[in-house]
């Protein structure tokens, strides 16, 4: 007859195999699923940073991680300059790129999400006594140099 202690040890061993089996089987399935792999253009900017260790960071990177949590996408990053990556996006060599402002011209060649990734604002500051520039008349900026 098998002792209760030995049965307890066998039960713990067998039960410990279930989480390990589940973990390794799900990792294998995800790694083999190339259907959900998205090629993402990556360039260094204030929104994209790569540390010496190779770790990526920044607003765009965090946004993409959040997107992948909802979509199930796996990312393959393609490094390049913004200009080269824009051409690769147009040519279909990459699937996704951050920090591309919407224009009607670009919308003819690529898809944009219905919701923006973020917003940008620009401000021009002038000296208080400057009467040449009227904030309600953009033409008053004609011929002016902005530093």
N, C-alpha and C. Protein backbone atom coordinates (compact mmCIF):
# COMPACT_ATOMS: atom_id res chain seq x y z
N UNK A 1 0.84 -1.18 0.00
CA UNK A 1 0.00 0.00 0.00
C UNK A 1 0.90 1.25 0.00
N UNK A 2 0.48 2.29 -0.80
CA UNK A 2 1.24 3.53 -0.92
C UNK A 2 0.85 4.45 0.22
N UNK A 3 1.85 5.08 0.83
CA UNK A 3 1.59 5.95 1.97
C UNK A 3 0.92 7.25 1.51
N UNK A 4 0.24 7.91 2.44
CA UNK A 4 -0.43 9.18 2.14
C UNK A 4 0.58 10.25 1.74
N UNK A 5 1.76 10.22 2.34
CA UNK A 5 2.80 11.20 2.00
C UNK A 5 3.25 11.04 0.56
N UNK A 6 3.41 9.80 0.11
CA UNK A 6 3.84 9.54 -1.27
C UNK A 6 2.73 9.96 -2.25
N UNK A 7 1.48 9.71 -1.92
CA UNK A 7 0.36 10.13 -2.78
C UNK A 7 0.33 11.65 -2.88
N UNK A 8 0.55 12.31 -1.75
CA UNK A 8 0.57 13.77 -1.73
C UNK A 8 1.70 14.30 -2.63
N UNK A 9 2.87 13.70 -2.59
CA UNK A 9 4.00 14.13 -3.43
C UNK A 9 3.68 13.92 -4.90
N UNK A 10 3.10 12.77 -5.26
CA UNK A 10 2.71 12.50 -6.65
C UNK A 10 1.67 13.52 -7.13
N UNK A 11 0.70 13.82 -6.27
CA UNK A 11 -0.36 14.76 -6.64
C UNK A 11 0.23 16.16 -6.89
N UNK A 12 1.13 16.60 -6.02
CA UNK A 12 1.77 17.91 -6.20
C UNK A 12 2.56 17.94 -7.50
N UNK A 13 3.29 16.85 -7.77
CA UNK A 13 4.09 16.78 -8.99
C UNK A 13 3.20 16.85 -10.23
N UNK A 14 2.14 16.08 -10.25
CA UNK A 14 1.24 16.04 -11.41
C UNK A 14 0.54 17.38 -11.59
N UNK A 15 0.07 17.97 -10.49
CA UNK A 15 -0.60 19.27 -10.59
C UNK A 15 0.36 20.38 -11.03
N UNK A 16 1.62 20.26 -10.68
CA UNK A 16 2.58 21.28 -11.09
C UNK A 16 2.89 21.19 -12.58
N UNK A 17 2.61 20.05 -13.22
CA UNK A 17 2.84 19.92 -14.65
C UNK A 17 1.81 20.68 -15.48
N UNK A 18 0.58 20.84 -14.97
CA UNK A 18 -0.46 21.50 -15.74
C UNK A 18 -0.13 22.95 -16.08
N UNK A 19 0.26 23.79 -15.10
CA UNK A 19 0.62 25.17 -15.48
C UNK A 19 1.81 25.23 -16.43
N UNK A 20 2.80 24.39 -16.22
CA UNK A 20 3.97 24.39 -17.10
C UNK A 20 3.58 23.99 -18.52
N UNK A 21 2.74 22.97 -18.64
CA UNK A 21 2.29 22.51 -19.95
C UNK A 21 1.49 23.62 -20.66
N UNK A 22 0.61 24.28 -19.92
CA UNK A 22 -0.18 25.36 -20.49
C UNK A 22 0.72 26.51 -20.95
N UNK A 23 1.69 26.90 -20.11
CA UNK A 23 2.58 28.00 -20.44
C UNK A 23 3.38 27.70 -21.70
N UNK A 24 4.03 26.56 -21.76
CA UNK A 24 4.89 26.26 -22.90
C UNK A 24 4.09 26.03 -24.18
N UNK A 25 2.89 25.49 -24.07
CA UNK A 25 2.09 25.28 -25.29
C UNK A 25 1.59 26.62 -25.83
N UNK A 26 1.21 27.56 -24.96
CA UNK A 26 0.73 28.85 -25.46
C UNK A 26 1.87 29.69 -26.03
N UNK A 27 3.06 29.59 -25.45
CA UNK A 27 4.21 30.31 -25.99
C UNK A 27 4.54 29.80 -27.38
N UNK A 28 4.50 28.52 -27.56
CA UNK A 28 4.80 27.92 -28.86
C UNK A 28 3.81 28.34 -29.93
N UNK A 29 2.54 28.40 -29.58
CA UNK A 29 1.52 28.79 -30.54
C UNK A 29 1.70 30.24 -30.94
N UNK A 30 1.97 31.10 -29.97
CA UNK A 30 2.13 32.52 -30.29
C UNK A 30 3.37 32.75 -31.15
N UNK A 31 4.44 32.05 -30.85
CA UNK A 31 5.67 32.25 -31.60
C UNK A 31 5.51 31.78 -33.05
N UNK A 32 4.67 30.80 -33.28
CA UNK A 32 4.50 30.27 -34.63
C UNK A 32 3.46 31.04 -35.43
N UNK A 33 2.68 31.88 -34.78
CA UNK A 33 1.61 32.60 -35.46
C UNK A 33 2.18 33.84 -36.16
N UNK A 34 2.62 33.66 -37.39
CA UNK A 34 3.19 34.78 -38.15
C UNK A 34 2.09 35.59 -38.83
N UNK A 35 0.87 35.09 -38.79
CA UNK A 35 -0.25 35.81 -39.41
C UNK A 35 -0.51 37.15 -38.72
N UNK A 36 -0.21 37.23 -37.43
CA UNK A 36 -0.44 38.46 -36.68
C UNK A 36 0.83 39.29 -36.50
N UNK A 37 1.85 39.04 -37.30
CA UNK A 37 3.08 39.81 -37.19
C UNK A 37 2.97 41.07 -38.03
N UNK A 38 3.26 42.19 -37.40
CA UNK A 38 3.16 43.49 -38.04
C UNK A 38 4.56 44.11 -38.09
N UNK A 39 4.95 44.56 -39.28
CA UNK A 39 6.26 45.22 -39.45
C UNK A 39 6.08 46.70 -39.15
N UNK A 40 6.82 47.18 -38.13
CA UNK A 40 6.66 48.54 -37.65
C UNK A 40 7.92 49.34 -37.96
N UNK A 41 7.74 50.49 -38.59
CA UNK A 41 8.86 51.39 -38.85
C UNK A 41 9.35 52.02 -37.56
N UNK A 42 10.67 52.00 -37.34
CA UNK A 42 11.25 52.56 -36.11
C UNK A 42 12.36 53.53 -36.45
N UNK A 43 12.24 54.74 -36.00
CA UNK A 43 13.27 55.76 -36.16
C UNK A 43 13.42 56.48 -34.84
N UNK A 44 14.62 56.95 -34.58
CA UNK A 44 14.89 57.66 -33.33
C UNK A 44 14.30 59.06 -33.41
N UNK A 45 13.58 59.44 -32.37
CA UNK A 45 12.97 60.76 -32.29
C UNK A 45 12.58 61.00 -30.84
N UNK A 46 12.01 62.14 -30.53
CA UNK A 46 11.52 62.33 -29.16
C UNK A 46 10.44 61.32 -28.76
N UNK A 47 9.79 60.70 -29.76
CA UNK A 47 8.73 59.73 -29.48
C UNK A 47 9.22 58.29 -29.54
N UNK A 48 10.42 58.07 -30.04
CA UNK A 48 11.00 56.73 -30.18
C UNK A 48 12.44 56.78 -29.70
N UNK A 49 12.77 55.99 -28.70
CA UNK A 49 14.13 55.97 -28.17
C UNK A 49 14.56 54.53 -28.00
N UNK A 50 15.81 54.26 -28.40
CA UNK A 50 16.39 52.94 -28.16
C UNK A 50 17.60 53.14 -27.25
N UNK A 51 17.59 52.47 -26.10
CA UNK A 51 18.70 52.56 -25.16
C UNK A 51 19.87 51.70 -25.63
N UNK A 52 21.03 51.91 -25.03
CA UNK A 52 22.22 51.13 -25.37
C UNK A 52 21.98 49.64 -25.20
N UNK A 53 21.10 49.28 -24.27
CA UNK A 53 20.78 47.88 -24.02
C UNK A 53 19.89 47.27 -25.11
N UNK A 54 19.37 48.12 -26.02
CA UNK A 54 18.48 47.64 -27.07
C UNK A 54 17.01 47.79 -26.71
N UNK A 55 16.72 48.17 -25.47
CA UNK A 55 15.33 48.36 -25.03
C UNK A 55 14.74 49.59 -25.70
N UNK A 56 13.52 49.44 -26.21
CA UNK A 56 12.83 50.55 -26.87
C UNK A 56 11.93 51.24 -25.84
N UNK A 57 11.71 52.53 -26.06
CA UNK A 57 10.90 53.30 -25.13
C UNK A 57 10.34 54.51 -25.85
N UNK A 58 9.37 55.15 -25.23
CA UNK A 58 8.82 56.39 -25.76
C UNK A 58 7.31 56.32 -25.93
N UNK A 59 6.73 57.48 -26.21
CA UNK A 59 5.28 57.59 -26.35
C UNK A 59 4.75 56.66 -27.45
N UNK A 60 5.40 56.69 -28.61
CA UNK A 60 4.94 55.86 -29.73
C UNK A 60 5.05 54.38 -29.38
N UNK A 61 6.14 53.99 -28.73
CA UNK A 61 6.35 52.59 -28.37
C UNK A 61 5.28 52.13 -27.37
N UNK A 62 5.01 52.93 -26.36
CA UNK A 62 3.98 52.58 -25.37
C UNK A 62 2.60 52.49 -26.03
N UNK A 63 2.33 53.39 -26.95
CA UNK A 63 1.07 53.37 -27.69
C UNK A 63 0.93 52.07 -28.49
N UNK A 64 2.03 51.69 -29.15
CA UNK A 64 2.01 50.45 -29.93
C UNK A 64 1.83 49.22 -29.04
N UNK A 65 2.44 49.22 -27.86
CA UNK A 65 2.25 48.10 -26.93
C UNK A 65 0.79 47.98 -26.51
N UNK A 66 0.18 49.11 -26.23
CA UNK A 66 -1.23 49.09 -25.85
C UNK A 66 -2.09 48.58 -27.00
N UNK A 67 -1.76 49.00 -28.20
CA UNK A 67 -2.48 48.55 -29.39
C UNK A 67 -2.35 47.04 -29.56
N UNK A 68 -1.15 46.50 -29.32
CA UNK A 68 -0.94 45.07 -29.48
C UNK A 68 -1.69 44.27 -28.42
N UNK A 69 -1.91 44.87 -27.25
CA UNK A 69 -2.66 44.18 -26.19
C UNK A 69 -4.11 43.95 -26.63
N UNK A 70 -4.65 44.89 -27.40
CA UNK A 70 -6.03 44.75 -27.88
C UNK A 70 -6.12 43.92 -29.16
N UNK A 71 -5.12 44.05 -30.01
CA UNK A 71 -5.20 43.43 -31.33
C UNK A 71 -4.59 42.03 -31.40
N UNK A 72 -3.67 41.72 -30.46
CA UNK A 72 -2.96 40.44 -30.52
C UNK A 72 -1.81 40.45 -31.51
N UNK A 73 -1.45 41.62 -32.02
CA UNK A 73 -0.36 41.71 -32.99
C UNK A 73 0.99 41.49 -32.32
N UNK A 74 1.90 40.87 -33.06
CA UNK A 74 3.31 40.76 -32.68
C UNK A 74 4.07 41.71 -33.59
N UNK A 75 5.01 42.44 -33.04
CA UNK A 75 5.73 43.44 -33.81
C UNK A 75 7.13 42.96 -34.20
N UNK A 76 7.50 43.28 -35.42
CA UNK A 76 8.88 43.19 -35.89
C UNK A 76 9.27 44.61 -36.27
N UNK A 77 10.27 45.15 -35.58
CA UNK A 77 10.66 46.53 -35.83
C UNK A 77 11.69 46.61 -36.95
N UNK A 78 11.49 47.59 -37.84
CA UNK A 78 12.38 47.84 -38.96
C UNK A 78 12.97 49.24 -38.75
N UNK A 79 14.29 49.31 -38.55
CA UNK A 79 14.96 50.57 -38.29
C UNK A 79 15.24 51.32 -39.58
N UNK A 80 15.18 52.65 -39.52
CA UNK A 80 15.51 53.47 -40.68
C UNK A 80 15.26 54.93 -40.38
N UNK A 81 15.50 55.77 -41.36
CA UNK A 81 15.18 57.19 -41.21
C UNK A 81 13.68 57.38 -41.46
N UNK A 82 13.14 58.50 -40.99
CA UNK A 82 11.71 58.76 -41.18
C UNK A 82 11.38 58.77 -42.67
N UNK A 83 12.21 59.39 -43.48
CA UNK A 83 11.96 59.48 -44.92
C UNK A 83 11.99 58.10 -45.58
N UNK A 84 12.99 57.29 -45.25
CA UNK A 84 13.08 55.95 -45.83
C UNK A 84 11.91 55.08 -45.39
N UNK A 85 11.53 55.18 -44.13
CA UNK A 85 10.41 54.38 -43.62
C UNK A 85 9.09 54.82 -44.24
N UNK A 86 8.92 56.12 -44.48
CA UNK A 86 7.70 56.58 -45.15
C UNK A 86 7.58 55.95 -46.54
N UNK A 87 8.70 55.87 -47.25
CA UNK A 87 8.68 55.25 -48.57
C UNK A 87 8.38 53.76 -48.44
N UNK A 88 8.96 53.12 -47.43
CA UNK A 88 8.69 51.69 -47.21
C UNK A 88 7.22 51.46 -46.88
N UNK A 89 6.61 52.38 -46.13
CA UNK A 89 5.18 52.28 -45.82
C UNK A 89 4.35 52.38 -47.10
N UNK A 90 4.69 53.34 -47.96
CA UNK A 90 3.98 53.50 -49.24
C UNK A 90 4.15 52.28 -50.13
N UNK A 91 5.35 51.67 -50.09
CA UNK A 91 5.65 50.52 -50.93
C UNK A 91 5.13 49.20 -50.35
N UNK A 92 4.63 49.24 -49.11
CA UNK A 92 4.13 48.02 -48.48
C UNK A 92 5.21 47.17 -47.83
N UNK A 93 6.42 47.73 -47.65
CA UNK A 93 7.50 46.98 -47.02
C UNK A 93 7.39 46.98 -45.50
N UNK A 94 6.66 47.95 -44.93
CA UNK A 94 6.30 47.93 -43.51
C UNK A 94 4.80 48.16 -43.43
N UNK A 95 4.22 47.80 -42.28
CA UNK A 95 2.77 47.86 -42.13
C UNK A 95 2.28 49.04 -41.30
N UNK A 96 3.13 49.54 -40.41
CA UNK A 96 2.69 50.53 -39.43
C UNK A 96 3.83 51.50 -39.14
N UNK A 97 3.46 52.76 -38.94
CA UNK A 97 4.46 53.76 -38.58
C UNK A 97 3.78 54.83 -37.75
N UNK A 98 4.43 55.26 -36.68
CA UNK A 98 3.87 56.29 -35.82
C UNK A 98 4.33 57.67 -36.26
N UNK A 99 3.62 58.67 -35.74
CA UNK A 99 3.99 60.07 -35.95
C UNK A 99 3.96 60.47 -37.42
N UNK A 100 2.90 60.05 -38.11
CA UNK A 100 2.68 60.48 -39.49
C UNK A 100 1.42 61.34 -39.46
N UNK A 101 1.59 62.62 -39.70
CA UNK A 101 0.46 63.54 -39.65
C UNK A 101 -0.45 63.31 -40.86
N UNK A 102 -1.74 63.44 -40.62
CA UNK A 102 -2.74 63.25 -41.68
C UNK A 102 -2.71 64.43 -42.64
N UNK A 103 -2.65 64.11 -43.92
CA UNK A 103 -2.89 65.10 -44.98
C UNK A 103 -3.75 64.40 -46.03
N UNK A 104 -4.48 65.16 -46.79
CA UNK A 104 -5.31 64.58 -47.84
C UNK A 104 -4.44 63.84 -48.86
N UNK A 105 -3.29 64.38 -49.17
CA UNK A 105 -2.37 63.75 -50.12
C UNK A 105 -1.91 62.38 -49.60
N UNK A 106 -1.53 62.31 -48.33
CA UNK A 106 -1.10 61.03 -47.74
C UNK A 106 -2.25 60.04 -47.64
N UNK A 107 -3.44 60.55 -47.39
CA UNK A 107 -4.60 59.67 -47.25
C UNK A 107 -4.93 58.95 -48.56
N UNK A 108 -4.45 59.46 -49.68
CA UNK A 108 -4.66 58.79 -50.97
C UNK A 108 -3.77 57.56 -51.10
N UNK A 109 -2.66 57.53 -50.33
CA UNK A 109 -1.68 56.45 -50.46
C UNK A 109 -1.66 55.48 -49.27
N UNK A 110 -2.22 55.88 -48.13
CA UNK A 110 -2.15 55.03 -46.94
C UNK A 110 -3.38 55.22 -46.08
N UNK A 111 -3.59 54.28 -45.18
CA UNK A 111 -4.73 54.33 -44.28
C UNK A 111 -4.34 55.03 -42.98
N UNK A 112 -5.26 55.78 -42.43
CA UNK A 112 -5.09 56.43 -41.14
C UNK A 112 -6.18 55.93 -40.21
N UNK A 113 -5.87 55.84 -38.93
CA UNK A 113 -6.89 55.43 -37.97
C UNK A 113 -7.93 56.53 -37.85
N UNK A 114 -9.11 56.15 -37.40
CA UNK A 114 -10.17 57.14 -37.23
C UNK A 114 -9.88 58.04 -36.03
N UNK A 115 -9.18 57.50 -35.05
CA UNK A 115 -8.82 58.28 -33.87
C UNK A 115 -7.33 58.60 -33.93
N UNK A 116 -6.95 59.82 -33.58
CA UNK A 116 -5.54 60.18 -33.64
C UNK A 116 -4.73 59.53 -32.51
N UNK A 117 -3.45 59.34 -32.75
CA UNK A 117 -2.54 58.83 -31.73
C UNK A 117 -2.30 59.91 -30.69
N UNK A 118 -2.37 61.15 -31.09
CA UNK A 118 -2.16 62.30 -30.21
C UNK A 118 -2.49 63.56 -30.96
N UNK A 119 -2.21 64.68 -30.36
CA UNK A 119 -2.43 65.96 -31.01
C UNK A 119 -1.17 66.81 -30.87
N UNK A 120 -1.03 67.76 -31.76
CA UNK A 120 0.10 68.68 -31.71
C UNK A 120 -0.42 70.10 -31.72
N UNK A 121 0.26 70.95 -30.99
CA UNK A 121 -0.06 72.37 -30.99
C UNK A 121 1.22 73.13 -31.20
N UNK A 122 1.13 74.20 -31.95
CA UNK A 122 2.27 75.06 -32.20
C UNK A 122 1.92 76.47 -31.73
N UNK A 123 2.88 77.13 -31.13
CA UNK A 123 2.67 78.48 -30.63
C UNK A 123 3.80 79.37 -31.13
N UNK A 124 3.45 80.58 -31.49
CA UNK A 124 4.43 81.58 -31.88
C UNK A 124 4.33 82.70 -30.84
N UNK A 125 5.45 82.99 -30.25
CA UNK A 125 5.49 84.06 -29.26
C UNK A 125 6.16 85.28 -29.89
N UNK A 126 5.56 86.43 -29.66
CA UNK A 126 6.13 87.67 -30.19
C UNK A 126 6.35 88.63 -29.02
N UNK A 127 7.25 89.58 -29.24
CA UNK A 127 7.50 90.59 -28.22
C UNK A 127 6.23 91.40 -27.98
N UNK A 128 5.95 91.76 -26.75
CA UNK A 128 4.70 92.48 -26.44
C UNK A 128 4.51 93.77 -27.23
N UNK A 129 5.59 94.44 -27.55
CA UNK A 129 5.47 95.71 -28.27
C UNK A 129 5.40 95.57 -29.78
N UNK A 130 5.51 94.36 -30.31
CA UNK A 130 5.51 94.14 -31.76
C UNK A 130 4.09 94.31 -32.30
N UNK A 131 3.91 95.34 -33.13
CA UNK A 131 2.58 95.61 -33.72
C UNK A 131 2.52 95.19 -35.18
N UNK A 132 3.62 94.64 -35.70
CA UNK A 132 3.64 94.21 -37.10
C UNK A 132 2.90 92.90 -37.31
N UNK A 133 2.85 92.08 -36.27
CA UNK A 133 2.22 90.76 -36.39
C UNK A 133 0.87 90.80 -35.69
N UNK A 134 -0.15 90.44 -36.45
CA UNK A 134 -1.52 90.39 -35.92
C UNK A 134 -1.91 88.92 -35.77
N UNK A 135 -2.20 88.45 -34.55
CA UNK A 135 -2.54 87.03 -34.35
C UNK A 135 -3.80 86.57 -35.07
N UNK A 136 -4.63 87.51 -35.52
CA UNK A 136 -5.84 87.14 -36.24
C UNK A 136 -5.65 87.17 -37.76
N UNK A 137 -4.46 87.61 -38.20
CA UNK A 137 -4.18 87.74 -39.63
C UNK A 137 -2.86 87.03 -39.95
N UNK A 138 -2.95 85.79 -40.46
CA UNK A 138 -1.74 85.02 -40.75
C UNK A 138 -0.87 85.66 -41.83
N UNK A 139 -1.47 86.46 -42.68
CA UNK A 139 -0.67 87.11 -43.74
C UNK A 139 0.32 88.11 -43.15
N UNK A 140 0.11 88.54 -41.90
CA UNK A 140 1.06 89.46 -41.27
C UNK A 140 2.39 88.76 -40.97
N UNK A 141 2.43 87.43 -41.11
CA UNK A 141 3.67 86.66 -40.94
C UNK A 141 4.49 86.61 -42.23
N UNK A 142 3.89 87.03 -43.35
CA UNK A 142 4.62 86.99 -44.64
C UNK A 142 5.90 87.79 -44.54
N UNK A 143 7.00 87.16 -44.99
CA UNK A 143 8.30 87.81 -44.98
C UNK A 143 9.00 87.80 -43.64
N UNK A 144 8.37 87.25 -42.62
CA UNK A 144 8.97 87.21 -41.29
C UNK A 144 9.79 85.91 -41.15
N UNK A 145 10.78 85.98 -40.30
CA UNK A 145 11.62 84.81 -40.02
C UNK A 145 11.31 84.33 -38.60
N UNK A 146 11.06 83.04 -38.46
CA UNK A 146 10.76 82.46 -37.15
C UNK A 146 11.98 81.67 -36.69
N UNK A 147 12.52 82.02 -35.54
CA UNK A 147 13.70 81.34 -34.98
C UNK A 147 13.27 80.30 -33.96
